[in-house]
Amino acid sequence: MVRDPDGPVDVRVFIDGVEASITEFTIDAGAGWCWADWTRCRNQNLAAAFASARQALLAVYADPPGGSYIADRGDAQWLDGINNSDNR
């Protein structure tokens, strides 16, 4: 994984020496997010994930590290507005 702090993350995965195609989901709740943008990104990621990956993502989205930096969250819970039937 190559991470540019001000740019994209480049992830390459190899299984038994063969590069595999992946879908990357980066959950970075650091400074710069407002609640509306965070939930929009969260919902898009969850909708794009297969059911098994979605469960892993939900576990992280339930209490994301750095979440205290997200502005305008108010009293909203981390998983507010998620439709649990959105599984692929």
C-alpha atoms as a PDB file:
ATOM      1  CA  MET A   1       0.000   0.000   0.000  1.00  0.00           C
ATOM      2  CA  VAL A   2       1.306   3.431  -0.921  1.00  0.00           C
ATOM      3  CA  ARG A   3      -0.421   6.319   0.829  1.00  0.00           C
ATOM      4  CA  ASP A   4      -0.002   9.929  -0.200  1.00  0.00           C
ATOM      5  CA  PRO A   5      -1.294  11.999   2.741  1.00  0.00           C
ATOM      6  CA  ASP A   6      -2.664  14.571   0.300  1.00  0.00           C
ATOM      7  CA  GLY A   7      -3.648  12.248  -2.500  1.00  0.00           C
ATOM      8  CA  PRO A   8      -4.815   8.776  -3.423  1.00  0.00           C
ATOM      9  CA  VAL A   9      -3.977   5.466  -1.805  1.00  0.00           C
ATOM     10  CA  ASP A  10      -2.531   2.858  -4.153  1.00  0.00           C
ATOM     11  CA  VAL A  11      -3.237  -0.691  -2.973  1.00  0.00           C
ATOM     12  CA  ARG A  12      -2.038  -3.846  -4.681  1.00  0.00           C
ATOM     13  CA  VAL A  13      -2.969  -7.262  -3.296  1.00  0.00           C
ATOM     14  CA  PHE A  14      -1.245 -10.518  -4.157  1.00  0.00           C
ATOM     15  CA  ILE A  15      -2.738 -13.903  -3.322  1.00  0.00           C
ATOM     16  CA  ASP A  16      -0.349 -16.824  -3.710  1.00  0.00           C
ATOM     17  CA  GLY A  17       1.883 -14.562  -5.777  1.00  0.00           C
ATOM     18  CA  VAL A  18      -0.848 -13.500  -8.206  1.00  0.00           C
ATOM     19  CA  GLU A  19      -2.104  -9.923  -8.211  1.00  0.00           C
ATOM     20  CA  ALA A  20      -5.829  -9.809  -7.430  1.00  0.00           C
ATOM     21  CA  SER A  21      -8.394  -7.247  -8.473  1.00  0.00           C
ATOM     22  CA  ILE A  22      -9.752  -5.374  -5.459  1.00  0.00           C
ATOM     23  CA  THR A  23     -12.143  -2.676  -4.402  1.00  0.00           C
ATOM     24  CA  GLU A  24     -10.597  -0.386  -1.813  1.00  0.00           C
ATOM     25  CA  PHE A  25     -12.620   1.300   0.917  1.00  0.00           C
ATOM     26  CA  THR A  26     -10.700   3.924   2.884  1.00  0.00           C
ATOM     27  CA  ILE A  27     -12.303   5.001   6.137  1.00  0.00           C
ATOM     28  CA  ASP A  28     -10.495   8.079   7.376  1.00  0.00           C
ATOM     29  CA  ALA A  29     -12.578  10.166   9.736  1.00  0.00           C
ATOM     30  CA  GLY A  30      -9.963  12.844  10.205  1.00  0.00           C
ATOM     31  CA  ALA A  31     -10.353  16.592  10.014  1.00  0.00           C
ATOM     32  CA  GLY A  32     -12.001  18.055   6.951  1.00  0.00           C
ATOM     33  CA  TRP A  33     -15.229  16.047   6.874  1.00  0.00           C
ATOM     34  CA  CYS A  34     -18.664  17.523   7.511  1.00  0.00           C
ATOM     35  CA  TRP A  35     -21.418  15.137   8.563  1.00  0.00           C
ATOM     36  CA  ALA A  36     -23.380  15.380   5.286  1.00  0.00           C
ATOM     37  CA  ASP A  37     -20.319  14.518   3.172  1.00  0.00           C
ATOM     38  CA  TRP A  38     -19.281  11.754   5.592  1.00  0.00           C
ATOM     39  CA  THR A  39     -22.695  10.045   5.460  1.00  0.00           C
ATOM     40  CA  ARG A  40     -22.853  10.381   1.659  1.00  0.00           C
ATOM     41  CA  CYS A  41     -19.433   8.702   1.301  1.00  0.00           C
ATOM     42  CA  ARG A  42     -20.303   6.085   3.948  1.00  0.00           C
ATOM     43  CA  ASN A  43     -23.549   5.188   2.175  1.00  0.00           C
ATOM     44  CA  GLN A  44     -21.875   4.950  -1.243  1.00  0.00           C
ATOM     45  CA  ASN A  45     -19.184   2.641   0.168  1.00  0.00           C
ATOM     46  CA  LEU A  46     -21.738   0.429   1.886  1.00  0.00           C
ATOM     47  CA  ALA A  47     -23.884   0.220  -1.260  1.00  0.00           C
ATOM     48  CA  ALA A  48     -20.860  -0.801  -3.346  1.00  0.00           C
ATOM     49  CA  ALA A  49     -19.669  -3.526  -0.976  1.00  0.00           C
ATOM     50  CA  PHE A  50     -20.542  -7.197  -1.167  1.00  0.00           C
ATOM     51  CA  ALA A  51     -22.457  -8.511   1.879  1.00  0.00           C
ATOM     52  CA  SER A  52     -19.400 -10.003   3.606  1.00  0.00           C
ATOM     53  CA  ALA A  53     -17.341  -6.838   3.155  1.00  0.00           C
ATOM     54  CA  ARG A  54     -20.323  -4.686   4.125  1.00  0.00           C
ATOM     55  CA  GLN A  55     -20.469  -6.331   7.544  1.00  0.00           C
ATOM     56  CA  ALA A  56     -16.794  -5.538   8.125  1.00  0.00           C
ATOM     57  CA  LEU A  57     -17.337  -1.948   6.971  1.00  0.00           C
ATOM     58  CA  LEU A  58     -20.355  -1.534   9.263  1.00  0.00           C
ATOM     59  CA  ALA A  59     -18.224  -2.577  12.228  1.00  0.00           C
ATOM     60  CA  VAL A  60     -15.740   0.208  11.459  1.00  0.00           C
ATOM     61  CA  TYR A  61     -18.371   2.803  10.571  1.00  0.00           C
ATOM     62  CA  ALA A  62     -20.089   2.119  13.923  1.00  0.00           C
ATOM     63  CA  ASP A  63     -17.282   4.003  15.700  1.00  0.00           C
ATOM     64  CA  PRO A  64     -14.636   5.256  13.257  1.00  0.00           C
ATOM     65  CA  PRO A  65     -11.257   6.313  14.648  1.00  0.00           C
ATOM     66  CA  GLY A  66     -10.878  10.077  14.393  1.00  0.00           C
ATOM     67  CA  GLY A  67     -14.642  10.563  14.334  1.00  0.00           C
ATOM     68  CA  SER A  68     -14.458  13.427  16.804  1.00  0.00           C
ATOM     69  CA  TYR A  69     -13.083  15.572  13.973  1.00  0.00           C
ATOM     70  CA  ILE A  70     -16.201  15.292  11.802  1.00  0.00           C
ATOM     71  CA  ALA A  71     -18.027  18.633  11.903  1.00  0.00           C
ATOM     72  CA  ASP A  72     -21.782  19.189  12.216  1.00  0.00           C
ATOM     73  CA  ARG A  73     -22.558  15.663  13.479  1.00  0.00           C
ATOM     74  CA  GLY A  74     -24.627  16.921  16.405  1.00  0.00           C
ATOM     75  CA  ASP A  75     -26.447  14.073  18.173  1.00  0.00           C
ATOM     76  CA  ALA A  76     -26.513  11.779  15.130  1.00  0.00           C
ATOM     77  CA  GLN A  77     -25.442   8.190  15.683  1.00  0.00           C
ATOM     78  CA  TRP A  78     -22.729   6.783  13.433  1.00  0.00           C
ATOM     79  CA  LEU A  79     -25.050   4.409  11.597  1.00  0.00           C
ATOM     80  CA  ASP A  80     -28.101   6.697  11.379  1.00  0.00           C
ATOM     81  CA  GLY A  81     -29.816   6.508   8.012  1.00  0.00           C
ATOM     82  CA  ILE A  82     -28.320   3.205   6.922  1.00  0.00           C
ATOM     83  CA  ASN A  83     -30.666   0.807   5.165  1.00  0.00           C
ATOM     84  CA  ASN A  84     -29.622  -2.691   6.259  1.00  0.00           C
ATOM     85  CA  SER A  85     -31.243  -4.242   3.184  1.00  0.00           C
ATOM     86  CA  ASP A  86     -28.656  -2.675   0.850  1.00  0.00           C
ATOM     87  CA  ASN A  87     -26.674  -5.884   0.318  1.00  0.00           C
ATOM     88  CA  ARG A  88     -25.255  -7.028  -2.998  1.00  0.00           C
END
